[in-house]
Each structure stands twice: as C-alpha cells, then as structure tokens.
Amino acid sequence: MPELNFDKVYASLDLRIKDIVNIDEFDELTKEFLGKNSLISEERKKLSSLSKEDKKNYGMKLTEATEFITSRIKEQRQLYLDSQFNNKEEAEVTDISIDWKPTRGTYKHVLSTVMEEVVSIFSSIGYEVAYGPEAETSWHNFDALNTPDWHPARYESDTLYLDEKLQTLLRTQTSTVQIRHMEENEPPVYIVAPGRVFRSDQLDATHSPVFHQLEGLAIDKNLTFTDLKGTLEFFVKEFFGNNVETKFIPHFFPFTEPSAEVLVKWQNGEWLEILGCGMVDPNVLSNVNYPESYKGFAWGVGIERLAMLRYKIDHIKNFYDNDIRFLEQF
C-alpha cells in the first residue's frame, strides 16, 4: 500500500515556517497542513478502503503526523512571538516608568554619607571602628556607664524595654559599644562606635524615636581635657570648615566628669550645640576593671543633627519619608 512520505511533508513544513513574516500566517499554515483539503486529510479519506490491519497501522501514522505538525507549529509560533517582543523592546522603550538602560549608579542615603564621613575623619587620626548589638542589657546601657537607678533616662517613658523586668532594652546610646569593647580589650583604646539608637521620643522637628549616633572613646595614660578639646576641634573644622568657631560649656553626663557640650558659631552668629563630651568617669573605668593609671575621654554626636546643620534641613522626618525628590539632592 503506497503511503505518504512524511519526511517530505515535515521538510516542506519547515520551509514554510522560515518564510513566515506575520503571526497570522501560522493559522494559514495549520489549515494548509491539517485542514480538510490538506494531504493528511486526503490520506485519512483512504483509510476506509484499507484492510483492518492496514487501516490500524496507517491510521496510527497519520495521527502521529498530525500531533507532530500541531506541536511543531505551536512551538514555532511561540518562538516567533518571543522574537517579535524582543525586537520591539530593543527598538523602542514604551514603558517610561522603567529605566531600561540606566546611565547612572545608585546613591547612598544622606545619613549613610554623613556617618561615613565622620568615621573617616576620626579614622584619619588613628581611631578604629567598633560595633555592638542594638538590643542591649541594662548593665551595658546604664549601670556600667555610671547611670544610677533614679536617673530619668532609665524611666520607661524614656527607654524602650524588651522585658517586664527592665533588664533588656533597645539601646539609647552607642556608649554601650564602648563598654563591650573595654570588657574585651586591654588599654589603650581609640574607637568610634556608629549606629542606630532608640528612645521614647515624640516625633518633632529635631527628635525621632529612632536616630543615628556616633560615639568616640579614647583611653590611654596621661590623657587630659586638652586632648579632648583638640580632638573635637579638629573634627569640627574637618566637617564644617576651618573658619567655624567652637566653644565648650559645662554640662552633666553620668559617665563623664567633667562634662561639656560643644557649640559651633553658625553663619547668623548663633551658637548651636552639636555634641556632648567629657573625661571618662573613674567609676566607668572601674566597672570594666581598667587600671587606675589609665584615663580617657568620650563624646557622642547625632548624625541627623550634623546633616541638618550642614544641609539646612528643617525637619528630621525628611530623612525617613523616602521622598525621592528630597533624597536625590544629596
């Protein structure tokens, strides 16, 4: 019994597919190879004149050919569509919300930039960077830093505690890193500790329950307040410029004695406080078992405070609103 040359049919199908220039031609191709006037359909009409065995065998071959042609056309149709979409994407950018070919890289957040600059200034004079956990113990956050039980900073209205016994909390200052570092390292110590801190503050123009701080610590023999003053004046001039005037006024911090606030004279002649500092209280050194022959000084500065002064930002929430119009300015 003469049979259809299926290989020849498949080769003819491939040639027709290569000539397609429009997606609608695939429907015409299906009709051509599988429609009622196709070779496959004509061969099916002959089945009734065949013997039972020939009808079964040849019918199976025609079914396999139909399935192959259907699958082949479907596959090539999808490849053609993919190719058309890819060509269109390369030829034109229709979605203006997507930067298909970015010409610029990403930028750091203004707070990250300021913090890295401050770290870099102190690193240039020999300070190392130290880090610690944000969830802290009351010992590291208060007791080791000479903060008595009655101090207002320990009230639940000021501090975010993590347990009912008030033994764990979200650190209110990165001074905790100073304690942890001294517990694990012998003097001398010269470190800065940047990081995020938490307090029960209401959000206003200059306060936020979450903000960033950098604290510094120097422990060595024969350090004096003069060394502290020279270190911080160097930082201020590096950060704000050589023409900025500074002054130190007395203040109180539980973990330093004597203590001071550092002020800078701003463009309008107004004196603005930028950080707190002082000589490390002997009780703090005793709590970490440092020899009495060592002395030191420490300071703490708010990163948001520095950024607001330098860039004349009027509200701290601008740092956290994620408004791209604000962030792209820096």
C-alpha atoms as a PDB file:
ATOM      1  CA  MET A   1       0.000   0.000   0.000  1.00  0.00           C
ATOM      2  CA  PRO A   2       1.511   3.356  -1.016  1.00  0.00           C
ATOM      3  CA  GLU A   3       1.947   5.732   1.955  1.00  0.00           C
ATOM      4  CA  LEU A   4       2.510   9.436   2.309  1.00  0.00           C
ATOM      5  CA  ASN A   5       6.181  10.497   2.530  1.00  0.00           C
ATOM      6  CA  PHE A   6       6.049  12.026   5.977  1.00  0.00           C
ATOM      7  CA  ASP A   7       9.695  13.211   5.944  1.00  0.00           C
ATOM      8  CA  LYS A   8       8.927  15.204   2.816  1.00  0.00           C
ATOM      9  CA  VAL A   9       5.875  16.720   4.495  1.00  0.00           C
ATOM     10  CA  TYR A  10       7.927  17.746   7.556  1.00  0.00           C
ATOM     11  CA  ALA A  11      10.654  19.277   5.376  1.00  0.00           C
ATOM     12  CA  SER A  12       8.035  21.248   3.485  1.00  0.00           C
ATOM     13  CA  LEU A  13       6.573  22.460   6.798  1.00  0.00           C
ATOM     14  CA  ASP A  14       9.965  23.751   7.954  1.00  0.00           C
ATOM     15  CA  LEU A  15      10.485  25.632   4.708  1.00  0.00           C
ATOM     16  CA  ARG A  16       7.101  27.301   5.021  1.00  0.00           C
ATOM     17  CA  ILE A  17       7.830  28.293   8.633  1.00  0.00           C
ATOM     18  CA  LYS A  18      11.060  30.046   7.599  1.00  0.00           C
ATOM     19  CA  ASP A  19       9.118  32.216   5.136  1.00  0.00           C
ATOM     20  CA  ILE A  20       6.581  33.468   7.710  1.00  0.00           C
ATOM     21  CA  VAL A  21       6.597  37.247   8.224  1.00  0.00           C
ATOM     22  CA  ASN A  22       3.281  37.676  10.076  1.00  0.00           C
ATOM     23  CA  ILE A  23       1.859  35.916  13.128  1.00  0.00           C
ATOM     24  CA  ASP A  24      -1.462  35.285  11.291  1.00  0.00           C
ATOM     25  CA  GLU A  25       0.354  33.078   8.774  1.00  0.00           C
ATOM     26  CA  PHE A  26       0.607  30.337  11.400  1.00  0.00           C
ATOM     27  CA  ASP A  27      -3.198  29.923  11.229  1.00  0.00           C
ATOM     28  CA  GLU A  28      -2.961  29.597   7.458  1.00  0.00           C
ATOM     29  CA  LEU A  29      -0.170  27.069   7.898  1.00  0.00           C
ATOM     30  CA  THR A  30      -2.351  24.932  10.166  1.00  0.00           C
ATOM     31  CA  LYS A  31      -5.109  24.894   7.567  1.00  0.00           C
ATOM     32  CA  GLU A  32      -2.616  24.067   4.830  1.00  0.00           C
ATOM     33  CA  PHE A  33      -1.129  21.038   6.578  1.00  0.00           C
ATOM     34  CA  LEU A  34      -4.053  19.855   8.713  1.00  0.00           C
ATOM     35  CA  GLY A  35      -7.194  21.398   7.175  1.00  0.00           C
ATOM     36  CA  LYS A  36      -9.883  19.484   5.231  1.00  0.00           C
ATOM     37  CA  ASN A  37      -8.008  19.928   1.944  1.00  0.00           C
ATOM     38  CA  SER A  38      -4.569  19.006   3.302  1.00  0.00           C
ATOM     39  CA  LEU A  39      -2.554  15.916   2.385  1.00  0.00           C
ATOM     40  CA  ILE A  40      -3.168  14.482   5.851  1.00  0.00           C
ATOM     41  CA  SER A  41      -6.955  14.804   5.448  1.00  0.00           C
ATOM     42  CA  GLU A  42      -6.832  13.281   1.958  1.00  0.00           C
ATOM     43  CA  GLU A  43      -4.915  10.303   3.307  1.00  0.00           C
ATOM     44  CA  ARG A  44      -7.470   9.818   6.084  1.00  0.00           C
ATOM     45  CA  LYS A  45     -10.208   9.506   3.459  1.00  0.00           C
ATOM     46  CA  LYS A  46      -8.383   6.472   2.041  1.00  0.00           C
ATOM     47  CA  LEU A  47      -8.491   4.563   5.328  1.00  0.00           C
ATOM     48  CA  SER A  48     -11.981   3.190   4.657  1.00  0.00           C
ATOM     49  CA  SER A  49     -10.732   1.282   1.618  1.00  0.00           C
ATOM     50  CA  LEU A  50      -7.907  -0.459   3.517  1.00  0.00           C
ATOM     51  CA  SER A  51      -7.893  -3.754   5.320  1.00  0.00           C
ATOM     52  CA  LYS A  52      -8.460  -3.770   9.049  1.00  0.00           C
ATOM     53  CA  GLU A  53      -4.741  -4.233   9.818  1.00  0.00           C
ATOM     54  CA  ASP A  54      -3.548  -1.620   7.280  1.00  0.00           C
ATOM     55  CA  LYS A  55      -6.203   0.806   8.474  1.00  0.00           C
ATOM     56  CA  LYS A  56      -4.930   0.449  12.055  1.00  0.00           C
ATOM     57  CA  ASN A  57      -1.247   0.848  11.202  1.00  0.00           C
ATOM     58  CA  TYR A  58      -1.627   3.685   8.724  1.00  0.00           C
ATOM     59  CA  GLY A  59      -4.172   5.459  10.940  1.00  0.00           C
ATOM     60  CA  MET A  60      -1.645   5.492  13.799  1.00  0.00           C
ATOM     61  CA  LYS A  61       0.991   7.021  11.485  1.00  0.00           C
ATOM     62  CA  LEU A  62      -1.416   9.740  10.359  1.00  0.00           C
ATOM     63  CA  THR A  63      -2.306  10.504  13.993  1.00  0.00           C
ATOM     64  CA  GLU A  64       1.383  10.770  14.928  1.00  0.00           C
ATOM     65  CA  ALA A  65       1.984  13.049  11.950  1.00  0.00           C
ATOM     66  CA  THR A  66      -0.947  15.267  12.989  1.00  0.00           C
ATOM     67  CA  GLU A  67       0.377  15.540  16.534  1.00  0.00           C
ATOM     68  CA  PHE A  68       3.901  16.316  15.299  1.00  0.00           C
ATOM     69  CA  ILE A  69       2.711  19.034  12.899  1.00  0.00           C
ATOM     70  CA  THR A  70       0.449  20.589  15.554  1.00  0.00           C
ATOM     71  CA  SER A  71       3.268  20.625  18.098  1.00  0.00           C
ATOM     72  CA  ARG A  72       5.765  21.986  15.569  1.00  0.00           C
ATOM     73  CA  ILE A  73       3.516  24.875  14.533  1.00  0.00           C
ATOM     74  CA  LYS A  74       2.700  25.746  18.176  1.00  0.00           C
ATOM     75  CA  GLU A  75       6.377  25.733  19.129  1.00  0.00           C
ATOM     76  CA  GLN A  76       7.458  27.893  16.195  1.00  0.00           C
ATOM     77  CA  ARG A  77       4.561  30.279  16.734  1.00  0.00           C
ATOM     78  CA  GLN A  78       5.738  30.930  20.318  1.00  0.00           C
ATOM     79  CA  LEU A  79       9.351  31.400  19.204  1.00  0.00           C
ATOM     80  CA  TYR A  80       8.186  33.884  16.590  1.00  0.00           C
ATOM     81  CA  LEU A  81       6.210  35.851  19.227  1.00  0.00           C
ATOM     82  CA  ASP A  82       9.184  35.922  21.618  1.00  0.00           C
ATOM     83  CA  SER A  83      11.420  37.161  18.839  1.00  0.00           C
ATOM     84  CA  GLN A  84       8.967  39.914  17.924  1.00  0.00           C
ATOM     85  CA  PHE A  85       8.697  41.112  21.533  1.00  0.00           C
ATOM     86  CA  ASN A  86      12.476  41.122  21.964  1.00  0.00           C
ATOM     87  CA  ASN A  87      12.930  43.107  18.772  1.00  0.00           C
ATOM     88  CA  LYS A  88      10.309  45.597  19.905  1.00  0.00           C
ATOM     89  CA  GLU A  89      11.989  46.073  23.295  1.00  0.00           C
ATOM     90  CA  GLU A  90      15.303  46.766  21.622  1.00  0.00           C
ATOM     91  CA  ALA A  91      13.778  49.160  19.086  1.00  0.00           C
ATOM     92  CA  GLU A  92      11.607  51.235  21.419  1.00  0.00           C
ATOM     93  CA  VAL A  93      11.129  51.863  25.140  1.00  0.00           C
ATOM     94  CA  THR A  94       7.394  52.273  25.607  1.00  0.00           C
ATOM     95  CA  ASP A  95       7.237  51.990  29.414  1.00  0.00           C
ATOM     96  CA  ILE A  96       8.550  55.325  30.659  1.00  0.00           C
ATOM     97  CA  SER A  97       8.415  54.152  34.296  1.00  0.00           C
ATOM     98  CA  ILE A  98      11.298  51.742  33.738  1.00  0.00           C
ATOM     99  CA  ASP A  99      14.863  52.792  33.098  1.00  0.00           C
ATOM    100  CA  TRP A 100      15.734  50.057  30.602  1.00  0.00           C
ATOM    101  CA  LYS A 101      19.272  51.306  30.058  1.00  0.00           C
ATOM    102  CA  PRO A 102      20.399  53.020  33.269  1.00  0.00           C
ATOM    103  CA  THR A 103      23.167  55.535  32.754  1.00  0.00           C
ATOM    104  CA  ARG A 104      23.923  56.109  36.428  1.00  0.00           C
ATOM    105  CA  GLY A 105      24.583  54.061  39.526  1.00  0.00           C
ATOM    106  CA  THR A 106      22.894  54.044  42.897  1.00  0.00           C
ATOM    107  CA  TYR A 107      23.495  56.633  45.603  1.00  0.00           C
ATOM    108  CA  LYS A 108      23.956  56.327  49.331  1.00  0.00           C
ATOM    109  CA  HIS A 109      21.418  57.827  51.701  1.00  0.00           C
ATOM    110  CA  VAL A 110      22.476  61.215  53.053  1.00  0.00           C
ATOM    111  CA  LEU A 111      22.711  59.797  56.606  1.00  0.00           C
ATOM    112  CA  SER A 112      24.998  56.995  55.437  1.00  0.00           C
ATOM    113  CA  THR A 113      27.190  59.508  53.618  1.00  0.00           C
ATOM    114  CA  VAL A 114      27.472  61.795  56.658  1.00  0.00           C
ATOM    115  CA  MET A 115      28.167  58.896  59.025  1.00  0.00           C
ATOM    116  CA  GLU A 116      30.894  57.522  56.760  1.00  0.00           C
ATOM    117  CA  GLU A 117      32.465  60.982  56.517  1.00  0.00           C
ATOM    118  CA  VAL A 118      32.548  61.357  60.313  1.00  0.00           C
ATOM    119  CA  VAL A 119      34.074  57.882  60.684  1.00  0.00           C
ATOM    120  CA  SER A 120      36.647  58.753  58.035  1.00  0.00           C
ATOM    121  CA  ILE A 121      37.683  61.942  59.864  1.00  0.00           C
ATOM    122  CA  PHE A 122      38.368  60.096  63.114  1.00  0.00           C
ATOM    123  CA  SER A 123      39.967  57.158  61.299  1.00  0.00           C
ATOM    124  CA  SER A 124      42.461  59.599  59.803  1.00  0.00           C
ATOM    125  CA  ILE A 125      43.839  60.261  63.321  1.00  0.00           C
ATOM    126  CA  GLY A 126      44.027  56.634  64.388  1.00  0.00           C
ATOM    127  CA  TYR A 127      40.565  55.673  65.648  1.00  0.00           C
ATOM    128  CA  GLU A 128      39.179  52.207  64.891  1.00  0.00           C
ATOM    129  CA  VAL A 129      35.504  51.416  64.268  1.00  0.00           C
ATOM    130  CA  ALA A 130      33.637  49.212  66.764  1.00  0.00           C
ATOM    131  CA  TYR A 131      30.108  47.811  66.642  1.00  0.00           C
ATOM    132  CA  GLY A 132      27.674  46.278  69.116  1.00  0.00           C
ATOM    133  CA  PRO A 133      24.101  44.930  69.337  1.00  0.00           C
ATOM    134  CA  GLU A 134      21.059  47.185  69.191  1.00  0.00           C
ATOM    135  CA  ALA A 135      19.207  45.032  71.762  1.00  0.00           C
ATOM    136  CA  GLU A 136      21.195  45.589  74.960  1.00  0.00           C
ATOM    137  CA  THR A 137      21.270  44.825  78.665  1.00  0.00           C
ATOM    138  CA  SER A 138      20.564  47.426  81.313  1.00  0.00           C
ATOM    139  CA  TRP A 139      24.065  46.758  82.635  1.00  0.00           C
ATOM    140  CA  HIS A 140      25.776  47.879  79.418  1.00  0.00           C
ATOM    141  CA  ASN A 141      23.353  50.723  78.728  1.00  0.00           C
ATOM    142  CA  PHE A 142      23.115  52.196  82.248  1.00  0.00           C
ATOM    143  CA  ASP A 143      24.900  50.516  85.180  1.00  0.00           C
ATOM    144  CA  ALA A 144      28.334  50.177  83.596  1.00  0.00           C
ATOM    145  CA  LEU A 145      28.036  53.796  82.425  1.00  0.00           C
ATOM    146  CA  ASN A 146      27.556  55.069  85.972  1.00  0.00           C
ATOM    147  CA  THR A 147      23.854  55.851  85.499  1.00  0.00           C
ATOM    148  CA  PRO A 148      22.038  55.455  88.860  1.00  0.00           C
ATOM    149  CA  ASP A 149      18.673  53.724  89.277  1.00  0.00           C
ATOM    150  CA  TRP A 150      16.909  57.037  89.890  1.00  0.00           C
ATOM    151  CA  HIS A 151      18.127  58.703  86.700  1.00  0.00           C
ATOM    152  CA  PRO A 152      15.234  59.807  84.399  1.00  0.00           C
ATOM    153  CA  ALA A 153      16.868  58.141  81.393  1.00  0.00           C
ATOM    154  CA  ARG A 154      16.013  54.765  82.957  1.00  0.00           C
ATOM    155  CA  TYR A 155      12.287  55.525  83.155  1.00  0.00           C
ATOM    156  CA  GLU A 156      10.005  53.530  80.874  1.00  0.00           C
ATOM    157  CA  SER A 157       8.783  56.849  79.497  1.00  0.00           C
ATOM    158  CA  ASP A 158      12.266  57.434  78.073  1.00  0.00           C
ATOM    159  CA  THR A 159      13.545  53.939  77.237  1.00  0.00           C
ATOM    160  CA  LEU A 160      12.110  51.114  75.128  1.00  0.00           C
ATOM    161  CA  TYR A 161      12.417  47.985  77.288  1.00  0.00           C
ATOM    162  CA  LEU A 162      12.092  44.483  75.875  1.00  0.00           C
ATOM    163  CA  ASP A 163      11.105  42.608  79.032  1.00  0.00           C
ATOM    164  CA  GLU A 164       8.965  43.141  82.125  1.00  0.00           C
ATOM    165  CA  LYS A 165      11.962  43.099  84.474  1.00  0.00           C
ATOM    166  CA  LEU A 166      13.559  46.015  82.605  1.00  0.00           C
ATOM    167  CA  GLN A 167      16.778  44.076  82.069  1.00  0.00           C
ATOM    168  CA  THR A 168      16.893  44.202  78.259  1.00  0.00           C
ATOM    169  CA  LEU A 169      16.175  47.180  76.039  1.00  0.00           C
ATOM    170  CA  LEU A 170      16.803  48.867  72.727  1.00  0.00           C
ATOM    171  CA  ARG A 171      19.999  50.810  73.317  1.00  0.00           C
ATOM    172  CA  THR A 172      19.560  54.516  73.918  1.00  0.00           C
ATOM    173  CA  GLN A 173      23.161  55.336  73.008  1.00  0.00           C
ATOM    174  CA  THR A 174      26.130  53.692  71.319  1.00  0.00           C
ATOM    175  CA  SER A 175      28.120  54.159  74.536  1.00  0.00           C
ATOM    176  CA  THR A 176      27.201  50.522  75.119  1.00  0.00           C
ATOM    177  CA  VAL A 177      29.752  49.626  72.454  1.00  0.00           C
ATOM    178  CA  GLN A 178      32.428  51.405  74.493  1.00  0.00           C
ATOM    179  CA  ILE A 179      31.696  49.168  77.494  1.00  0.00           C
ATOM    180  CA  ARG A 180      31.664  45.989  75.423  1.00  0.00           C
ATOM    181  CA  HIS A 181      34.917  46.938  73.729  1.00  0.00           C
ATOM    182  CA  MET A 182      36.669  47.701  77.029  1.00  0.00           C
ATOM    183  CA  GLU A 183      35.422  44.411  78.522  1.00  0.00           C
ATOM    184  CA  GLU A 184      37.132  42.534  75.699  1.00  0.00           C
ATOM    185  CA  ASN A 185      40.243  44.671  75.105  1.00  0.00           C
ATOM    186  CA  GLU A 186      43.094  45.965  77.215  1.00  0.00           C
ATOM    187  CA  PRO A 187      44.010  49.677  77.053  1.00  0.00           C
ATOM    188  CA  PRO A 188      44.989  51.787  75.235  1.00  0.00           C
ATOM    189  CA  VAL A 189      41.705  52.191  73.326  1.00  0.00           C
ATOM    190  CA  TYR A 190      40.854  54.577  70.495  1.00  0.00           C
ATOM    191  CA  ILE A 191      37.488  53.740  68.910  1.00  0.00           C
ATOM    192  CA  VAL A 192      34.398  55.291  67.332  1.00  0.00           C
ATOM    193  CA  ALA A 193      31.056  53.495  67.522  1.00  0.00           C
ATOM    194  CA  PRO A 194      28.497  54.463  64.842  1.00  0.00           C
ATOM    195  CA  GLY A 195      24.993  53.034  64.813  1.00  0.00           C
ATOM    196  CA  ARG A 196      21.275  53.285  65.351  1.00  0.00           C
ATOM    197  CA  VAL A 197      19.751  54.110  68.759  1.00  0.00           C
ATOM    198  CA  PHE A 198      16.216  54.203  70.147  1.00  0.00           C
ATOM    199  CA  ARG A 199      14.363  56.432  72.615  1.00  0.00           C
ATOM    200  CA  SER A 200      10.730  57.065  73.573  1.00  0.00           C
ATOM    201  CA  ASP A 201      10.718  60.479  71.940  1.00  0.00           C
ATOM    202  CA  GLN A 202       7.747  62.060  70.211  1.00  0.00           C
ATOM    203  CA  LEU A 203       8.479  62.920  66.603  1.00  0.00           C
ATOM    204  CA  ASP A 204       9.068  66.627  66.096  1.00  0.00           C
ATOM    205  CA  ALA A 205      11.388  68.776  64.007  1.00  0.00           C
ATOM    206  CA  THR A 206      14.564  67.672  65.831  1.00  0.00           C
ATOM    207  CA  HIS A 207      13.592  64.424  67.617  1.00  0.00           C
ATOM    208  CA  SER A 208      12.775  60.918  66.443  1.00  0.00           C
ATOM    209  CA  PRO A 209      12.280  57.629  68.339  1.00  0.00           C
ATOM    210  CA  VAL A 210      14.935  56.151  66.044  1.00  0.00           C
ATOM    211  CA  PHE A 211      18.055  58.047  65.053  1.00  0.00           C
ATOM    212  CA  HIS A 212      21.773  57.570  64.411  1.00  0.00           C
ATOM    213  CA  GLN A 213      24.672  58.361  66.689  1.00  0.00           C
ATOM    214  CA  LEU A 214      28.434  58.139  66.678  1.00  0.00           C
ATOM    215  CA  GLU A 215      30.296  57.946  69.953  1.00  0.00           C
ATOM    216  CA  GLY A 216      34.021  58.053  70.471  1.00  0.00           C
ATOM    217  CA  LEU A 217      36.282  56.808  73.219  1.00  0.00           C
ATOM    218  CA  ALA A 218      39.971  57.322  73.947  1.00  0.00           C
ATOM    219  CA  ILE A 219      41.671  55.544  76.881  1.00  0.00           C
ATOM    220  CA  ASP A 220      45.381  55.916  77.475  1.00  0.00           C
ATOM    221  CA  LYS A 221      47.885  57.154  80.023  1.00  0.00           C
ATOM    222  CA  ASN A 222      48.151  60.890  80.667  1.00  0.00           C
ATOM    223  CA  LEU A 223      45.146  61.952  78.558  1.00  0.00           C
ATOM    224  CA  THR A 224      43.651  65.310  79.573  1.00  0.00           C
ATOM    225  CA  PHE A 225      40.737  67.578  78.711  1.00  0.00           C
ATOM    226  CA  THR A 226      43.120  69.435  76.422  1.00  0.00           C
ATOM    227  CA  ASP A 227      43.461  66.270  74.299  1.00  0.00           C
ATOM    228  CA  LEU A 228      39.666  66.004  74.148  1.00  0.00           C
ATOM    229  CA  LYS A 229      39.302  69.645  73.146  1.00  0.00           C
ATOM    230  CA  GLY A 230      41.948  69.376  70.428  1.00  0.00           C
ATOM    231  CA  THR A 231      40.404  66.178  69.024  1.00  0.00           C
ATOM    232  CA  LEU A 232      36.914  67.626  68.753  1.00  0.00           C
ATOM    233  CA  GLU A 233      38.066  70.965  67.367  1.00  0.00           C
ATOM    234  CA  PHE A 234      39.926  69.040  64.670  1.00  0.00           C
ATOM    235  CA  PHE A 235      36.719  67.127  63.842  1.00  0.00           C
ATOM    236  CA  VAL A 236      34.549  70.255  63.718  1.00  0.00           C
ATOM    237  CA  LYS A 237      36.908  72.059  61.358  1.00  0.00           C
ATOM    238  CA  GLU A 238      37.239  68.997  59.113  1.00  0.00           C
ATOM    239  CA  PHE A 239      33.474  68.595  58.910  1.00  0.00           C
ATOM    240  CA  PHE A 240      32.194  72.204  58.851  1.00  0.00           C
ATOM    241  CA  GLY A 241      35.257  74.088  57.600  1.00  0.00           C
ATOM    242  CA  ASN A 242      38.321  75.805  59.043  1.00  0.00           C
ATOM    243  CA  ASN A 243      36.527  79.079  59.725  1.00  0.00           C
ATOM    244  CA  VAL A 244      33.974  77.635  62.153  1.00  0.00           C
ATOM    245  CA  GLU A 245      34.421  78.751  65.763  1.00  0.00           C
ATOM    246  CA  THR A 246      33.800  76.368  68.665  1.00  0.00           C
ATOM    247  CA  LYS A 247      33.308  76.713  72.386  1.00  0.00           C
ATOM    248  CA  PHE A 248      32.882  74.270  75.266  1.00  0.00           C
ATOM    249  CA  ILE A 249      30.358  74.945  78.032  1.00  0.00           C
ATOM    250  CA  PRO A 250      29.904  72.916  81.257  1.00  0.00           C
ATOM    251  CA  HIS A 251      27.262  70.203  81.310  1.00  0.00           C
ATOM    252  CA  PHE A 252      26.424  66.972  83.157  1.00  0.00           C
ATOM    253  CA  PHE A 253      26.561  63.371  81.918  1.00  0.00           C
ATOM    254  CA  PRO A 254      26.630  60.401  84.337  1.00  0.00           C
ATOM    255  CA  PHE A 255      29.525  58.699  82.567  1.00  0.00           C
ATOM    256  CA  THR A 256      31.897  61.678  82.191  1.00  0.00           C
ATOM    257  CA  GLU A 257      33.352  64.114  84.738  1.00  0.00           C
ATOM    258  CA  PRO A 258      33.997  66.903  83.968  1.00  0.00           C
ATOM    259  CA  SER A 259      31.484  67.081  81.093  1.00  0.00           C
ATOM    260  CA  ALA A 260      30.774  69.647  78.403  1.00  0.00           C
ATOM    261  CA  GLU A 261      28.693  70.489  75.380  1.00  0.00           C
ATOM    262  CA  VAL A 262      30.402  71.597  72.190  1.00  0.00           C
ATOM    263  CA  LEU A 263      28.840  74.541  70.347  1.00  0.00           C
ATOM    264  CA  VAL A 264      29.660  75.964  66.932  1.00  0.00           C
ATOM    265  CA  LYS A 265      29.111  79.553  65.833  1.00  0.00           C
ATOM    266  CA  TRP A 266      26.783  79.468  62.850  1.00  0.00           C
ATOM    267  CA  GLN A 267      26.515  81.818  59.860  1.00  0.00           C
ATOM    268  CA  ASN A 268      23.998  84.092  61.599  1.00  0.00           C
ATOM    269  CA  GLY A 269      26.203  84.388  64.686  1.00  0.00           C
ATOM    270  CA  GLU A 270      24.078  81.988  66.713  1.00  0.00           C
ATOM    271  CA  TRP A 271      25.799  79.346  68.852  1.00  0.00           C
ATOM    272  CA  LEU A 272      24.433  75.835  68.163  1.00  0.00           C
ATOM    273  CA  GLU A 273      25.071  72.729  70.287  1.00  0.00           C
ATOM    274  CA  ILE A 274      26.317  69.785  68.232  1.00  0.00           C
ATOM    275  CA  LEU A 275      27.592  67.168  70.701  1.00  0.00           C
ATOM    276  CA  GLY A 276      28.303  66.197  74.297  1.00  0.00           C
ATOM    277  CA  CYS A 277      31.643  65.102  75.700  1.00  0.00           C
ATOM    278  CA  GLY A 278      33.816  64.786  78.801  1.00  0.00           C
ATOM    279  CA  MET A 279      36.516  62.904  80.636  1.00  0.00           C
ATOM    280  CA  VAL A 280      35.518  59.302  81.354  1.00  0.00           C
ATOM    281  CA  ASP A 281      34.260  58.965  84.921  1.00  0.00           C
ATOM    282  CA  PRO A 282      36.605  56.798  87.069  1.00  0.00           C
ATOM    283  CA  ASN A 283      33.607  54.622  88.015  1.00  0.00           C
ATOM    284  CA  VAL A 284      33.190  53.600  84.362  1.00  0.00           C
ATOM    285  CA  LEU A 285      36.832  52.514  84.137  1.00  0.00           C
ATOM    286  CA  SER A 286      36.462  50.649  87.416  1.00  0.00           C
ATOM    287  CA  ASN A 287      33.387  48.790  86.090  1.00  0.00           C
ATOM    288  CA  VAL A 288      35.476  47.303  83.273  1.00  0.00           C
ATOM    289  CA  ASN A 289      38.468  46.641  85.550  1.00  0.00           C
ATOM    290  CA  TYR A 290      40.824  49.122  83.905  1.00  0.00           C
ATOM    291  CA  PRO A 291      43.912  50.146  85.930  1.00  0.00           C
ATOM    292  CA  GLU A 292      43.755  53.499  87.723  1.00  0.00           C
ATOM    293  CA  SER A 293      46.792  54.649  85.773  1.00  0.00           C
ATOM    294  CA  TYR A 294      44.625  54.997  82.655  1.00  0.00           C
ATOM    295  CA  LYS A 295      42.367  57.926  81.904  1.00  0.00           C
ATOM    296  CA  GLY A 296      40.243  58.811  78.935  1.00  0.00           C
ATOM    297  CA  PHE A 297      37.664  60.973  77.254  1.00  0.00           C
ATOM    298  CA  ALA A 298      34.482  60.285  75.319  1.00  0.00           C
ATOM    299  CA  TRP A 299      31.952  62.109  73.161  1.00  0.00           C
ATOM    300  CA  GLY A 300      28.697  61.461  71.330  1.00  0.00           C
ATOM    301  CA  VAL A 301      27.242  63.183  68.267  1.00  0.00           C
ATOM    302  CA  GLY A 302      23.914  62.768  66.454  1.00  0.00           C
ATOM    303  CA  ILE A 303      24.317  62.079  62.740  1.00  0.00           C
ATOM    304  CA  GLU A 304      20.930  63.606  61.895  1.00  0.00           C
ATOM    305  CA  ARG A 305      21.968  66.731  63.806  1.00  0.00           C
ATOM    306  CA  LEU A 306      25.121  67.118  61.726  1.00  0.00           C
ATOM    307  CA  ALA A 307      23.281  66.523  58.452  1.00  0.00           C
ATOM    308  CA  MET A 308      20.530  69.005  59.322  1.00  0.00           C
ATOM    309  CA  LEU A 309      23.062  71.727  60.118  1.00  0.00           C
ATOM    310  CA  ARG A 310      25.220  71.170  57.062  1.00  0.00           C
ATOM    311  CA  TYR A 311      22.366  70.916  54.540  1.00  0.00           C
ATOM    312  CA  LYS A 312      19.896  73.282  56.284  1.00  0.00           C
ATOM    313  CA  ILE A 313      17.216  70.594  56.679  1.00  0.00           C
ATOM    314  CA  ASP A 314      14.307  71.850  58.776  1.00  0.00           C
ATOM    315  CA  HIS A 315      12.688  68.573  59.905  1.00  0.00           C
ATOM    316  CA  ILE A 316      14.198  65.227  60.901  1.00  0.00           C
ATOM    317  CA  LYS A 317      11.356  63.255  59.291  1.00  0.00           C
ATOM    318  CA  ASN A 318      12.673  64.241  55.855  1.00  0.00           C
ATOM    319  CA  PHE A 319      15.374  61.596  56.294  1.00  0.00           C
ATOM    320  CA  TYR A 320      12.780  58.831  56.655  1.00  0.00           C
ATOM    321  CA  ASP A 321       9.938  59.836  54.309  1.00  0.00           C
ATOM    322  CA  ASN A 322      11.675  58.190  51.310  1.00  0.00           C
ATOM    323  CA  ASP A 323      10.727  61.134  49.105  1.00  0.00           C
ATOM    324  CA  ILE A 324      12.974  60.701  46.089  1.00  0.00           C
ATOM    325  CA  ARG A 325      12.832  64.453  45.395  1.00  0.00           C
ATOM    326  CA  PHE A 326      14.485  65.083  48.750  1.00  0.00           C
ATOM    327  CA  LEU A 327      16.989  62.221  48.640  1.00  0.00           C
ATOM    328  CA  GLU A 328      18.254  62.987  45.133  1.00  0.00           C
ATOM    329  CA  GLN A 329      19.553  66.360  46.317  1.00  0.00           C
ATOM    330  CA  PHE A 330      22.437  64.724  48.166  1.00  0.00           C
END
